[in-house]
Amino acid sequence: MDKKTVNQVRGLLSKGLSSRDAANKLRLSVQQVAAVRAHQTMQSYDSDPVKISESDKLRIVALVKQGLSSGQIRKRIKRYNHQQIAAVKAWVTMGKY
């Protein structure tokens, strides 16, 4: 999802639209909109991104694709907090990884 679309989603969510309504309006999946909502909740758009090594990022992506929850991944890779893992998981959901 490109930055323009993310900003459009953020705008609709800030107006009080549900994830489903925003997804329908922009022809996106509800999961994509939910990922943007998760990032807003974590305030990751308003802070500097935390550095996760490429090798760990690939490992997290693989675990997400295996269906593990953020909590399960956190138990396996302890050096990153739940928010960091959830952010990578959100990017997987948006199709960035």
C-alpha atoms as a PDB file:
ATOM      1  CA  MET A   1       0.000   0.000   0.000  1.00  0.00           C
ATOM      2  CA  ASP A   2       1.514   3.328  -0.994  1.00  0.00           C
ATOM      3  CA  LYS A   3       1.805   6.357   1.281  1.00  0.00           C
ATOM      4  CA  LYS A   4      -1.046   8.193  -0.473  1.00  0.00           C
ATOM      5  CA  THR A   5      -3.438   5.301   0.171  1.00  0.00           C
ATOM      6  CA  VAL A   6      -2.299   5.003   3.784  1.00  0.00           C
ATOM      7  CA  ASN A   7      -3.009   8.707   4.256  1.00  0.00           C
ATOM      8  CA  GLN A   8      -6.449   8.298   2.657  1.00  0.00           C
ATOM      9  CA  VAL A   9      -7.220   5.433   5.059  1.00  0.00           C
ATOM     10  CA  ARG A  10      -6.000   7.491   8.016  1.00  0.00           C
ATOM     11  CA  GLY A  11      -8.209  10.377   6.931  1.00  0.00           C
ATOM     12  CA  LEU A  12     -11.310   8.201   6.704  1.00  0.00           C
ATOM     13  CA  LEU A  13     -10.595   6.546  10.044  1.00  0.00           C
ATOM     14  CA  SER A  14     -10.114   9.939  11.686  1.00  0.00           C
ATOM     15  CA  LYS A  15     -13.601  10.867  10.467  1.00  0.00           C
ATOM     16  CA  GLY A  16     -14.993   7.900  12.396  1.00  0.00           C
ATOM     17  CA  LEU A  17     -15.543   5.441   9.547  1.00  0.00           C
ATOM     18  CA  SER A  18     -15.346   1.779  10.441  1.00  0.00           C
ATOM     19  CA  SER A  19     -12.575  -0.339   8.946  1.00  0.00           C
ATOM     20  CA  ARG A  20     -15.137  -2.048   6.714  1.00  0.00           C
ATOM     21  CA  ASP A  21     -16.593   1.240   5.454  1.00  0.00           C
ATOM     22  CA  ALA A  22     -13.135   2.688   4.772  1.00  0.00           C
ATOM     23  CA  ALA A  23     -12.126  -0.512   2.971  1.00  0.00           C
ATOM     24  CA  ASN A  24     -15.235  -0.428   0.804  1.00  0.00           C
ATOM     25  CA  LYS A  25     -14.790   3.245  -0.015  1.00  0.00           C
ATOM     26  CA  LEU A  26     -11.154   2.763  -1.093  1.00  0.00           C
ATOM     27  CA  ARG A  27     -11.601  -0.739  -2.551  1.00  0.00           C
ATOM     28  CA  LEU A  28      -9.166  -2.276  -0.084  1.00  0.00           C
ATOM     29  CA  SER A  29      -9.421  -5.345   2.093  1.00  0.00           C
ATOM     30  CA  VAL A  30     -10.615  -4.903   5.659  1.00  0.00           C
ATOM     31  CA  GLN A  31      -7.297  -6.420   6.774  1.00  0.00           C
ATOM     32  CA  GLN A  32      -5.337  -3.671   5.025  1.00  0.00           C
ATOM     33  CA  VAL A  33      -7.407  -0.981   6.724  1.00  0.00           C
ATOM     34  CA  ALA A  34      -7.148  -2.793  10.059  1.00  0.00           C
ATOM     35  CA  ALA A  35      -3.360  -2.821   9.690  1.00  0.00           C
ATOM     36  CA  VAL A  36      -3.354   0.957   9.199  1.00  0.00           C
ATOM     37  CA  ARG A  37      -5.643   1.308  12.231  1.00  0.00           C
ATOM     38  CA  ALA A  38      -3.210  -0.825  14.264  1.00  0.00           C
ATOM     39  CA  HIS A  39      -0.327   1.416  13.244  1.00  0.00           C
ATOM     40  CA  GLN A  40      -2.332   4.481  14.264  1.00  0.00           C
ATOM     41  CA  THR A  41      -3.118   2.908  17.625  1.00  0.00           C
ATOM     42  CA  MET A  42       0.577   2.158  18.172  1.00  0.00           C
ATOM     43  CA  GLN A  43       1.413   5.700  17.026  1.00  0.00           C
ATOM     44  CA  SER A  44       4.002   4.262  14.650  1.00  0.00           C
ATOM     45  CA  TYR A  45       3.191   6.910  12.038  1.00  0.00           C
ATOM     46  CA  ASP A  46       4.146   9.618  14.522  1.00  0.00           C
ATOM     47  CA  SER A  47       7.462   8.194  15.724  1.00  0.00           C
ATOM     48  CA  ASP A  48      10.733   7.107  14.224  1.00  0.00           C
ATOM     49  CA  PRO A  49      10.677   3.504  13.081  1.00  0.00           C
ATOM     50  CA  VAL A  50      12.525   1.104  15.339  1.00  0.00           C
ATOM     51  CA  LYS A  51      15.375  -0.692  13.651  1.00  0.00           C
ATOM     52  CA  ILE A  52      14.880  -4.420  13.267  1.00  0.00           C
ATOM     53  CA  SER A  53      17.673  -6.298  11.540  1.00  0.00           C
ATOM     54  CA  GLU A  54      16.875  -7.629   8.087  1.00  0.00           C
ATOM     55  CA  SER A  55      17.518 -11.208   9.170  1.00  0.00           C
ATOM     56  CA  ASP A  56      15.130 -10.853  12.128  1.00  0.00           C
ATOM     57  CA  LYS A  57      12.571  -9.122   9.935  1.00  0.00           C
ATOM     58  CA  LEU A  58      12.655 -12.072   7.519  1.00  0.00           C
ATOM     59  CA  ARG A  59      12.317 -14.466  10.442  1.00  0.00           C
ATOM     60  CA  ILE A  60       9.308 -12.545  11.803  1.00  0.00           C
ATOM     61  CA  VAL A  61       7.703 -12.453   8.347  1.00  0.00           C
ATOM     62  CA  ALA A  62       8.151 -16.220   7.999  1.00  0.00           C
ATOM     63  CA  LEU A  63       6.546 -16.813  11.398  1.00  0.00           C
ATOM     64  CA  VAL A  64       3.632 -14.498  10.526  1.00  0.00           C
ATOM     65  CA  LYS A  65       3.080 -16.409   7.289  1.00  0.00           C
ATOM     66  CA  GLN A  66       3.037 -19.634   9.321  1.00  0.00           C
ATOM     67  CA  GLY A  67       0.091 -18.168  11.232  1.00  0.00           C
ATOM     68  CA  LEU A  68       1.732 -17.346  14.558  1.00  0.00           C
ATOM     69  CA  SER A  69       0.307 -14.504  16.624  1.00  0.00           C
ATOM     70  CA  SER A  70       2.401 -11.507  17.676  1.00  0.00           C
ATOM     71  CA  GLY A  71       2.533 -12.935  21.192  1.00  0.00           C
ATOM     72  CA  GLN A  72       3.789 -16.303  19.958  1.00  0.00           C
ATOM     73  CA  ILE A  73       6.446 -14.609  17.840  1.00  0.00           C
ATOM     74  CA  ARG A  74       7.461 -12.433  20.796  1.00  0.00           C
ATOM     75  CA  LYS A  75       8.127 -15.570  22.845  1.00  0.00           C
ATOM     76  CA  ARG A  76      10.508 -16.817  20.120  1.00  0.00           C
ATOM     77  CA  ILE A  77      12.235 -13.500  19.371  1.00  0.00           C
ATOM     78  CA  LYS A  78      12.542 -11.737  22.716  1.00  0.00           C
ATOM     79  CA  ARG A  79      14.714  -8.753  21.757  1.00  0.00           C
ATOM     80  CA  TYR A  80      11.785  -6.915  20.134  1.00  0.00           C
ATOM     81  CA  ASN A  81       8.675  -5.697  21.887  1.00  0.00           C
ATOM     82  CA  HIS A  82       5.119  -6.602  20.986  1.00  0.00           C
ATOM     83  CA  GLN A  83       4.559  -3.324  19.109  1.00  0.00           C
ATOM     84  CA  GLN A  84       7.557  -3.910  16.847  1.00  0.00           C
ATOM     85  CA  ILE A  85       6.429  -7.420  15.968  1.00  0.00           C
ATOM     86  CA  ALA A  86       2.838  -6.256  15.450  1.00  0.00           C
ATOM     87  CA  ALA A  87       4.112  -3.554  13.096  1.00  0.00           C
ATOM     88  CA  VAL A  88       5.959  -6.111  10.944  1.00  0.00           C
ATOM     89  CA  LYS A  89       2.849  -8.293  11.030  1.00  0.00           C
ATOM     90  CA  ALA A  90       0.767  -5.320   9.852  1.00  0.00           C
ATOM     91  CA  TRP A  91       3.132  -4.781   6.925  1.00  0.00           C
ATOM     92  CA  VAL A  92       2.753  -8.464   5.992  1.00  0.00           C
ATOM     93  CA  THR A  93      -1.015  -7.982   6.072  1.00  0.00           C
ATOM     94  CA  MET A  94      -0.713  -4.956   3.791  1.00  0.00           C
ATOM     95  CA  GLY A  95       1.358  -7.000   1.350  1.00  0.00           C
ATOM     96  CA  LYS A  96       4.623  -5.109   1.888  1.00  0.00           C
ATOM     97  CA  TYR A  97       6.595  -8.284   2.760  1.00  0.00           C
END
